[in-house]
N, C-alpha and C. Protein backbone atom coordinates (compact mmCIF):
# COMPACT_ATOMS: atom_id res chain seq x y z
N UNK A 1 82.37 107.90 98.61
CA UNK A 1 82.37 108.62 97.35
C UNK A 1 82.57 110.13 97.59
N UNK A 2 81.92 110.62 98.66
CA UNK A 2 82.03 112.04 99.00
C UNK A 2 83.50 112.42 99.21
N UNK A 3 84.23 111.55 99.95
CA UNK A 3 85.64 111.85 100.23
C UNK A 3 86.48 111.78 98.96
N UNK A 4 86.12 110.89 98.05
CA UNK A 4 86.87 110.80 96.80
C UNK A 4 86.72 112.10 96.02
N UNK A 5 85.51 112.65 95.97
CA UNK A 5 85.29 113.93 95.27
C UNK A 5 86.08 115.04 95.96
N UNK A 6 86.04 115.07 97.28
CA UNK A 6 86.79 116.09 98.02
C UNK A 6 88.28 115.96 97.72
N UNK A 7 88.79 114.73 97.75
CA UNK A 7 90.21 114.51 97.49
C UNK A 7 90.58 114.90 96.06
N UNK A 8 89.70 114.63 95.10
CA UNK A 8 89.98 115.03 93.73
C UNK A 8 90.07 116.54 93.60
N UNK A 9 89.17 117.25 94.26
CA UNK A 9 89.20 118.71 94.24
C UNK A 9 90.48 119.21 94.90
N UNK A 10 90.81 118.64 96.06
CA UNK A 10 92.02 119.07 96.76
C UNK A 10 93.27 118.80 95.94
N UNK A 11 93.34 117.64 95.29
CA UNK A 11 94.51 117.35 94.47
C UNK A 11 94.63 118.35 93.33
N UNK A 12 93.50 118.68 92.71
CA UNK A 12 93.52 119.66 91.63
C UNK A 12 94.07 120.98 92.13
N UNK A 13 93.61 121.42 93.29
CA UNK A 13 94.10 122.68 93.87
C UNK A 13 95.59 122.57 94.15
N UNK A 14 96.00 121.46 94.76
CA UNK A 14 97.40 121.30 95.12
C UNK A 14 98.30 121.20 93.90
N UNK A 15 97.86 120.55 92.86
CA UNK A 15 98.69 120.43 91.66
C UNK A 15 98.76 121.76 90.94
N UNK A 16 97.65 122.48 90.89
CA UNK A 16 97.64 123.79 90.22
C UNK A 16 98.48 124.78 91.00
N UNK A 17 98.43 124.71 92.32
CA UNK A 17 99.17 125.63 93.18
C UNK A 17 100.50 124.99 93.55
N UNK A 18 101.37 124.79 92.65
CA UNK A 18 102.59 124.02 92.85
C UNK A 18 103.58 124.68 93.79
N UNK A 19 104.61 123.96 94.11
CA UNK A 19 105.62 124.40 95.05
C UNK A 19 106.22 125.74 94.64
N UNK A 20 106.37 126.64 95.60
CA UNK A 20 106.59 128.05 95.32
C UNK A 20 107.86 128.43 94.59
N UNK A 21 108.99 128.25 95.21
CA UNK A 21 110.14 128.85 94.56
C UNK A 21 110.49 128.14 93.29
N UNK A 22 110.04 126.93 93.09
CA UNK A 22 110.20 126.28 91.80
C UNK A 22 108.94 126.50 90.98
N UNK A 23 107.79 126.37 91.59
CA UNK A 23 106.49 126.56 90.95
C UNK A 23 106.26 125.62 89.77
N UNK A 24 107.03 124.61 89.66
CA UNK A 24 106.77 123.55 88.69
C UNK A 24 107.09 122.24 89.38
N UNK A 25 106.36 121.22 89.00
CA UNK A 25 106.58 119.91 89.57
C UNK A 25 106.95 118.94 88.46
N UNK A 26 107.81 117.98 88.82
CA UNK A 26 108.08 116.91 87.88
C UNK A 26 106.80 116.09 87.76
N UNK A 27 106.64 115.43 86.64
CA UNK A 27 105.47 114.59 86.44
C UNK A 27 105.45 113.49 87.50
N UNK A 28 104.31 113.29 88.12
CA UNK A 28 104.17 112.24 89.13
C UNK A 28 103.93 110.92 88.41
N UNK A 29 104.84 109.98 88.60
CA UNK A 29 104.72 108.67 87.98
C UNK A 29 104.05 107.69 88.94
N UNK A 30 103.64 106.55 88.44
CA UNK A 30 103.07 105.50 89.28
C UNK A 30 104.06 105.11 90.38
N UNK A 31 105.32 104.92 89.99
CA UNK A 31 106.34 104.50 90.94
C UNK A 31 106.56 105.57 92.02
N UNK A 32 106.64 106.81 91.60
CA UNK A 32 106.86 107.91 92.55
C UNK A 32 105.67 108.05 93.49
N UNK A 33 104.47 107.93 92.95
CA UNK A 33 103.26 108.03 93.77
C UNK A 33 103.26 106.95 94.86
N UNK A 34 103.60 105.72 94.49
CA UNK A 34 103.66 104.63 95.46
C UNK A 34 104.78 104.86 96.48
N UNK A 35 105.88 105.44 96.04
CA UNK A 35 107.00 105.76 96.93
C UNK A 35 106.58 106.81 97.96
N UNK A 36 105.85 107.84 97.51
CA UNK A 36 105.35 108.87 98.42
C UNK A 36 104.46 108.24 99.48
N UNK A 37 103.56 107.35 99.04
CA UNK A 37 102.64 106.68 99.98
C UNK A 37 103.44 105.81 100.95
N UNK A 38 104.36 105.03 100.43
CA UNK A 38 105.15 104.12 101.27
C UNK A 38 105.97 104.88 102.31
N UNK A 39 106.56 105.99 101.92
CA UNK A 39 107.43 106.76 102.82
C UNK A 39 106.69 107.64 103.81
N UNK A 40 105.41 107.85 103.58
CA UNK A 40 104.64 108.74 104.45
C UNK A 40 104.38 108.11 105.81
N UNK A 41 104.49 108.90 106.85
CA UNK A 41 104.12 108.45 108.19
C UNK A 41 102.60 108.49 108.34
N UNK A 42 101.98 109.54 107.77
CA UNK A 42 100.53 109.70 107.84
C UNK A 42 100.02 110.29 106.53
N UNK A 43 98.86 109.83 106.10
CA UNK A 43 98.15 110.43 104.98
C UNK A 43 96.71 110.57 105.44
N UNK A 44 96.19 111.79 105.36
CA UNK A 44 94.83 112.01 105.85
C UNK A 44 94.24 113.30 105.30
N UNK A 45 92.94 113.38 105.39
CA UNK A 45 92.23 114.64 105.16
C UNK A 45 92.09 115.25 106.54
N UNK A 46 92.40 116.53 106.66
CA UNK A 46 92.33 117.14 107.97
C UNK A 46 92.05 118.63 107.93
N UNK A 47 91.76 119.16 109.10
CA UNK A 47 91.47 120.59 109.25
C UNK A 47 92.58 121.21 110.09
N UNK A 48 93.02 122.38 109.68
CA UNK A 48 94.00 123.12 110.47
C UNK A 48 93.25 123.81 111.61
N UNK A 49 93.57 123.42 112.84
CA UNK A 49 92.89 124.02 114.00
C UNK A 49 93.74 125.10 114.67
N UNK A 50 95.04 125.09 114.39
CA UNK A 50 95.93 126.11 114.93
C UNK A 50 97.11 126.24 113.99
N UNK A 51 97.51 127.47 113.73
CA UNK A 51 98.65 127.71 112.85
C UNK A 51 99.50 128.82 113.43
N UNK A 52 100.74 128.49 113.78
CA UNK A 52 101.69 129.47 114.30
C UNK A 52 102.63 129.87 113.17
N UNK A 53 102.28 130.92 112.46
CA UNK A 53 103.12 131.35 111.35
C UNK A 53 104.32 132.11 111.88
N UNK A 54 105.41 132.04 111.13
CA UNK A 54 106.63 132.74 111.49
C UNK A 54 106.78 133.96 110.59
N UNK A 55 107.65 134.85 111.00
CA UNK A 55 107.96 135.99 110.15
C UNK A 55 108.55 135.48 108.84
N UNK A 56 108.05 135.99 107.73
CA UNK A 56 108.52 135.53 106.43
C UNK A 56 109.98 135.89 106.22
N UNK A 57 110.73 135.02 105.53
CA UNK A 57 112.15 135.29 105.31
C UNK A 57 112.37 136.54 104.46
N UNK A 58 113.50 137.16 104.68
CA UNK A 58 113.85 138.35 103.89
C UNK A 58 114.35 137.91 102.52
N UNK A 59 114.51 138.86 101.63
CA UNK A 59 114.97 138.53 100.27
C UNK A 59 116.37 137.94 100.26
N UNK A 60 117.14 138.15 101.32
CA UNK A 60 118.49 137.60 101.41
C UNK A 60 118.54 136.18 101.99
N UNK A 61 117.38 135.61 102.32
CA UNK A 61 117.33 134.29 102.94
C UNK A 61 117.85 133.22 101.97
N UNK A 62 118.68 132.34 102.48
CA UNK A 62 119.20 131.23 101.69
C UNK A 62 118.19 130.08 101.74
N UNK A 63 117.40 129.92 100.68
CA UNK A 63 116.34 128.92 100.64
C UNK A 63 116.88 127.49 100.67
N UNK A 64 118.14 127.32 100.46
CA UNK A 64 118.71 125.97 100.49
C UNK A 64 119.47 125.72 101.78
N UNK A 65 119.29 126.59 102.77
CA UNK A 65 119.98 126.39 104.05
C UNK A 65 119.42 125.16 104.74
N UNK A 66 120.22 124.56 105.57
CA UNK A 66 119.84 123.31 106.24
C UNK A 66 119.40 123.55 107.67
N UNK A 67 118.57 124.56 107.88
CA UNK A 67 118.06 124.83 109.22
C UNK A 67 117.14 123.70 109.67
N UNK A 68 117.17 123.35 110.96
CA UNK A 68 116.19 122.37 111.44
C UNK A 68 114.78 122.91 111.19
N UNK A 69 113.85 122.03 110.92
CA UNK A 69 112.48 122.43 110.58
C UNK A 69 111.89 123.39 111.62
N UNK A 70 112.08 123.10 112.90
CA UNK A 70 111.49 123.94 113.95
C UNK A 70 111.99 125.38 113.89
N UNK A 71 113.19 125.59 113.37
CA UNK A 71 113.78 126.93 113.29
C UNK A 71 113.64 127.56 111.91
N UNK A 72 113.24 126.79 110.94
CA UNK A 72 113.19 127.26 109.56
C UNK A 72 111.99 128.18 109.34
N UNK A 73 112.20 129.42 108.91
CA UNK A 73 111.09 130.35 108.73
C UNK A 73 110.14 129.98 107.57
N UNK A 74 110.51 129.01 106.77
CA UNK A 74 109.64 128.57 105.68
C UNK A 74 108.50 127.69 106.19
N UNK A 75 108.64 127.14 107.41
CA UNK A 75 107.66 126.21 107.96
C UNK A 75 106.97 126.79 109.17
N UNK A 76 105.67 126.59 109.23
CA UNK A 76 104.86 127.03 110.36
C UNK A 76 104.35 125.80 111.11
N UNK A 77 104.27 125.92 112.41
CA UNK A 77 103.76 124.84 113.24
C UNK A 77 102.24 124.84 113.14
N UNK A 78 101.68 123.66 112.88
CA UNK A 78 100.23 123.54 112.73
C UNK A 78 99.70 122.40 113.60
N UNK A 79 98.54 122.62 114.14
CA UNK A 79 97.82 121.56 114.85
C UNK A 79 96.72 121.13 113.89
N UNK A 80 96.70 119.84 113.54
CA UNK A 80 95.80 119.32 112.53
C UNK A 80 94.83 118.32 113.13
N UNK A 81 93.56 118.46 112.80
CA UNK A 81 92.54 117.50 113.24
C UNK A 81 92.27 116.55 112.09
N UNK A 82 92.39 115.27 112.36
CA UNK A 82 92.18 114.26 111.32
C UNK A 82 90.69 114.08 111.10
N UNK A 83 90.27 114.18 109.83
CA UNK A 83 88.88 113.96 109.44
C UNK A 83 88.74 112.58 108.82
N UNK A 84 89.65 112.24 107.92
CA UNK A 84 89.64 110.93 107.27
C UNK A 84 91.07 110.41 107.20
N UNK A 85 91.35 109.31 107.89
CA UNK A 85 92.70 108.76 107.96
C UNK A 85 92.89 107.70 106.89
N UNK A 86 94.00 107.80 106.13
CA UNK A 86 94.27 106.86 105.05
C UNK A 86 95.54 106.05 105.28
N UNK A 87 96.46 106.57 106.09
CA UNK A 87 97.67 105.81 106.41
C UNK A 87 98.22 106.32 107.74
N UNK A 88 98.69 105.37 108.54
CA UNK A 88 99.31 105.71 109.82
C UNK A 88 98.39 105.40 110.98
N UNK A 89 98.97 105.37 112.17
CA UNK A 89 98.22 105.12 113.39
C UNK A 89 98.59 106.18 114.41
N UNK A 90 97.89 107.30 114.38
CA UNK A 90 98.22 108.38 115.32
C UNK A 90 97.75 108.04 116.74
N UNK A 91 98.36 108.70 117.72
CA UNK A 91 97.98 108.49 119.11
C UNK A 91 96.67 109.18 119.46
N UNK A 92 96.30 110.20 118.67
CA UNK A 92 95.04 110.90 118.89
C UNK A 92 94.53 111.40 117.54
N UNK A 93 93.36 112.05 117.55
CA UNK A 93 92.79 112.57 116.30
C UNK A 93 93.42 113.90 115.89
N UNK A 94 94.38 114.39 116.68
CA UNK A 94 95.07 115.62 116.35
C UNK A 94 96.58 115.38 116.29
N UNK A 95 97.21 115.98 115.29
CA UNK A 95 98.65 115.86 115.12
C UNK A 95 99.26 117.25 115.04
N UNK A 96 100.49 117.38 115.52
CA UNK A 96 101.24 118.61 115.34
C UNK A 96 102.25 118.36 114.23
N UNK A 97 102.27 119.25 113.25
CA UNK A 97 103.17 119.09 112.11
C UNK A 97 103.66 120.46 111.67
N UNK A 98 104.68 120.46 110.85
CA UNK A 98 105.22 121.69 110.27
C UNK A 98 104.87 121.69 108.80
N UNK A 99 104.25 122.78 108.35
CA UNK A 99 103.85 122.89 106.95
C UNK A 99 104.49 124.12 106.32
N UNK A 100 104.78 123.99 105.05
CA UNK A 100 105.42 125.08 104.31
C UNK A 100 104.39 126.18 104.09
N UNK A 101 104.63 127.33 104.69
CA UNK A 101 103.71 128.46 104.51
C UNK A 101 104.39 129.63 103.83
N UNK A 102 105.59 129.39 103.28
CA UNK A 102 106.33 130.50 102.67
C UNK A 102 106.62 130.29 101.19
N UNK A 103 106.69 129.06 100.74
CA UNK A 103 107.08 128.81 99.34
C UNK A 103 106.00 128.00 98.63
N UNK A 104 104.80 128.49 98.61
CA UNK A 104 103.69 127.68 98.15
C UNK A 104 103.01 128.18 96.88
N UNK A 105 103.69 128.95 96.08
CA UNK A 105 103.14 129.41 94.78
C UNK A 105 101.73 129.98 94.90
N UNK A 106 101.49 130.72 95.93
CA UNK A 106 100.19 131.36 96.05
C UNK A 106 99.16 130.57 96.83
N UNK A 107 99.47 129.36 97.26
CA UNK A 107 98.53 128.59 98.08
C UNK A 107 98.92 128.78 99.53
N UNK A 108 98.08 129.47 100.27
CA UNK A 108 98.39 129.79 101.66
C UNK A 108 97.40 129.11 102.59
N UNK A 109 97.92 128.43 103.58
CA UNK A 109 97.08 127.77 104.57
C UNK A 109 96.61 128.76 105.61
N UNK A 110 95.41 128.52 106.10
CA UNK A 110 94.85 129.33 107.17
C UNK A 110 94.15 128.42 108.15
N UNK A 111 93.96 128.90 109.38
CA UNK A 111 93.22 128.15 110.37
C UNK A 111 91.83 127.86 109.83
N UNK A 112 91.35 126.67 110.03
CA UNK A 112 90.06 126.11 109.61
C UNK A 112 90.08 125.56 108.19
N UNK A 113 91.18 125.73 107.45
CA UNK A 113 91.28 125.11 106.12
C UNK A 113 91.24 123.59 106.24
N UNK A 114 90.56 122.96 105.29
CA UNK A 114 90.56 121.50 105.18
C UNK A 114 91.41 121.17 103.97
N UNK A 115 92.32 120.21 104.16
CA UNK A 115 93.23 119.85 103.08
C UNK A 115 93.60 118.38 103.18
N UNK A 116 94.31 117.91 102.18
CA UNK A 116 94.84 116.55 102.12
C UNK A 116 96.29 116.65 102.55
N UNK A 117 96.68 115.93 103.59
CA UNK A 117 98.03 116.02 104.13
C UNK A 117 98.79 114.71 103.97
N UNK A 118 100.02 114.83 103.50
CA UNK A 118 100.96 113.71 103.45
C UNK A 118 102.13 114.15 104.34
N UNK A 119 102.29 113.48 105.48
CA UNK A 119 103.31 113.87 106.45
C UNK A 119 104.42 112.83 106.52
N UNK A 120 105.65 113.31 106.57
CA UNK A 120 106.83 112.48 106.78
C UNK A 120 107.48 112.90 108.08
N UNK A 121 108.37 112.05 108.60
CA UNK A 121 109.16 112.41 109.77
C UNK A 121 110.50 112.98 109.29
N UNK A 122 110.86 114.13 109.86
CA UNK A 122 112.12 114.79 109.50
C UNK A 122 112.58 115.59 110.71
N UNK A 123 113.84 115.51 111.05
CA UNK A 123 114.39 116.23 112.21
C UNK A 123 113.58 115.95 113.48
N UNK A 124 113.01 114.75 113.60
CA UNK A 124 112.27 114.38 114.80
C UNK A 124 110.86 114.94 114.89
N UNK A 125 110.36 115.56 113.81
CA UNK A 125 109.00 116.11 113.81
C UNK A 125 108.27 115.68 112.54
N UNK A 126 106.96 115.86 112.53
CA UNK A 126 106.18 115.58 111.33
C UNK A 126 106.21 116.80 110.42
N UNK A 127 106.42 116.57 109.13
CA UNK A 127 106.53 117.65 108.15
C UNK A 127 105.68 117.28 106.94
N UNK A 128 104.90 118.25 106.46
CA UNK A 128 104.12 118.02 105.26
C UNK A 128 105.08 117.94 104.07
N UNK A 129 104.88 116.94 103.21
CA UNK A 129 105.69 116.86 102.00
C UNK A 129 105.34 118.05 101.13
N UNK A 130 106.20 118.39 100.18
CA UNK A 130 105.87 119.54 99.35
C UNK A 130 104.65 119.22 98.49
N UNK A 131 104.03 120.25 97.97
CA UNK A 131 102.77 120.09 97.25
C UNK A 131 102.91 119.25 95.99
N UNK A 132 104.12 119.04 95.52
CA UNK A 132 104.34 118.21 94.34
C UNK A 132 104.24 116.73 94.67
N UNK A 133 104.28 116.38 95.94
CA UNK A 133 104.30 114.97 96.35
C UNK A 133 102.93 114.48 96.79
N UNK A 134 101.91 114.75 95.99
CA UNK A 134 100.57 114.25 96.27
C UNK A 134 100.36 113.00 95.43
N UNK A 135 99.94 111.89 96.06
CA UNK A 135 99.75 110.65 95.30
C UNK A 135 98.77 110.82 94.14
N UNK A 136 98.95 110.00 93.13
CA UNK A 136 98.08 110.03 91.95
C UNK A 136 96.66 109.62 92.31
N UNK A 137 95.66 110.15 91.56
CA UNK A 137 94.27 109.79 91.83
C UNK A 137 94.01 108.28 91.77
N UNK A 138 94.77 107.56 90.96
CA UNK A 138 94.58 106.11 90.87
C UNK A 138 94.81 105.41 92.21
N UNK A 139 95.58 106.02 93.07
CA UNK A 139 95.90 105.39 94.35
C UNK A 139 94.95 105.82 95.47
N UNK A 140 94.06 106.76 95.20
CA UNK A 140 93.15 107.23 96.24
C UNK A 140 92.19 106.15 96.69
N UNK A 141 91.68 105.37 95.74
CA UNK A 141 90.74 104.31 96.12
C UNK A 141 91.43 103.32 97.07
N UNK A 142 92.68 102.97 96.75
CA UNK A 142 93.43 102.08 97.64
C UNK A 142 93.64 102.74 99.00
N UNK A 143 93.91 104.04 99.01
CA UNK A 143 94.06 104.76 100.28
C UNK A 143 92.76 104.73 101.07
N UNK A 144 91.64 104.97 100.39
CA UNK A 144 90.35 105.01 101.06
C UNK A 144 89.94 103.66 101.62
N UNK A 145 90.29 102.58 100.93
CA UNK A 145 89.92 101.24 101.40
C UNK A 145 90.86 100.72 102.46
N UNK A 146 91.91 101.48 102.76
CA UNK A 146 92.81 101.08 103.83
C UNK A 146 93.96 100.20 103.39
N UNK A 147 94.17 100.06 102.10
CA UNK A 147 95.25 99.20 101.59
C UNK A 147 96.60 99.59 102.16
N UNK A 148 96.83 100.89 102.38
CA UNK A 148 98.12 101.36 102.85
C UNK A 148 98.13 101.66 104.35
N UNK A 149 96.98 101.52 105.01
CA UNK A 149 96.90 101.84 106.43
C UNK A 149 97.78 100.89 107.22
N UNK A 150 98.50 101.45 108.18
CA UNK A 150 99.39 100.60 109.00
C UNK A 150 98.86 100.53 110.40
């Protein structure tokens, strides 16, 4: 129950602090929520233990450029410690992923932050989905009971 309350608070923060350069999210439907869960490599509550931020892009940066994630200044490399695992089978309790630290509508990650992470594989690395792709609260109970765990 404690984790459900934490996840509800985190979802509220994530939904309110929507994706930056758009700063609006399409309505999350049941189908889309299940698609996000199905496509995710990992879903977990975790703590940021290390964050390598990059120099922020200049005003002339092409936000639609197709740079590989590792080179893209919009993404920072993060080392994440898993606190509560809901989907996926990691090799250890820590994962390295790239998270958007430049286009987050005022929501900025810092070392020691605890958050809800939905990670996909892209360009051969783990990448946090954008903040608009958080599963609906109706699916949290299924996540907590391991229904989607692989």
